[in-house]
Amino acid sequence: MSITLENTLPPYPHFQEGILRAPNRGYRLTKLQTKIALKNALRYIPPEQHSLLAPEFLEELKARGRV
């Protein structure tokens, strides 16, 4: 069985304020750990979308402590 993703991305989600979410874990990764985390997050994303999503994933990692 194989799963394929479309090459178009959905619109960026806008989170509603005031809803409880998982707590921020903080950003405590080294440069190498950050690089590995981003590679892991992008591994199932089509390569042509990496340049668009990598900055978003990095921002999320730094802001929330997870991707």
Protein backbone atom coordinates (compact mmCIF):
# COMPACT_ATOMS: atom_id res chain seq x y z
CA MET A 1 0.00 0.00 0.00
CA SER A 2 1.33 3.43 -0.83
CA ILE A 3 0.13 6.82 0.27
CA THR A 4 0.77 9.90 -1.81
CA LEU A 5 0.30 13.52 -0.86
CA GLU A 6 -0.89 16.22 -3.19
CA ASN A 7 1.64 18.85 -4.20
CA THR A 8 -0.56 21.70 -2.96
CA LEU A 9 -0.56 22.86 0.63
CA PRO A 10 -3.69 23.77 2.57
CA PRO A 11 -4.03 27.37 3.78
CA TYR A 12 -2.03 28.27 6.88
CA PRO A 13 -4.15 27.56 9.98
CA HIS A 14 -5.14 30.42 12.24
CA PHE A 15 -5.37 29.20 15.82
CA GLN A 16 -8.19 30.52 17.93
CA GLU A 17 -6.94 32.24 21.07
CA GLY A 18 -8.15 31.12 24.48
CA ILE A 19 -8.14 27.38 23.76
CA LEU A 20 -5.88 25.31 25.99
CA ARG A 21 -3.13 23.49 24.14
CA ALA A 22 -0.14 21.42 25.15
CA PRO A 23 2.31 23.50 27.21
CA ASN A 24 5.37 25.01 25.58
CA ARG A 25 8.33 22.69 26.12
CA GLY A 26 10.85 25.43 25.49
CA TYR A 27 13.60 25.37 22.92
CA ARG A 28 16.71 23.66 24.25
CA LEU A 29 18.15 21.94 21.19
CA THR A 30 21.66 22.29 19.83
CA LYS A 31 22.17 23.29 16.19
CA LEU A 32 22.73 19.64 15.26
CA GLN A 33 19.62 18.48 17.13
CA THR A 34 17.58 21.23 15.44
CA LYS A 35 18.82 20.14 12.02
CA ILE A 36 17.91 16.51 12.77
CA ALA A 37 14.46 17.51 14.08
CA LEU A 38 13.74 19.46 10.88
CA LYS A 39 14.98 16.60 8.69
CA ASN A 40 12.71 14.19 10.57
CA ALA A 41 9.72 16.52 10.23
CA LEU A 42 10.31 16.96 6.48
CA ARG A 43 11.03 13.35 5.61
CA TYR A 44 7.53 12.54 4.34
CA ILE A 45 6.94 15.93 2.70
CA PRO A 46 7.63 16.18 -1.05
CA PRO A 47 11.10 17.74 -1.57
CA GLU A 48 9.74 20.60 -3.67
CA GLN A 49 7.86 21.85 -0.58
CA HIS A 50 10.82 21.72 1.83
CA SER A 51 11.93 25.31 1.18
CA LEU A 52 8.41 26.55 1.98
CA LEU A 53 7.82 24.41 5.08
CA ALA A 54 11.28 24.33 6.71
CA PRO A 55 11.11 27.95 7.98
CA GLU A 56 7.57 27.35 9.30
CA PHE A 57 8.67 24.15 11.07
CA LEU A 58 11.71 25.93 12.57
CA GLU A 59 9.51 28.76 13.86
CA GLU A 60 7.11 26.23 15.40
CA LEU A 61 10.00 24.30 16.97
CA LYS A 62 11.41 27.47 18.55
CA ALA A 63 8.02 28.82 19.64
CA ARG A 64 6.43 25.61 20.96
CA GLY A 65 9.33 23.21 21.46
CA ARG A 66 7.91 20.70 18.97
CA VAL A 67 7.04 20.37 15.29
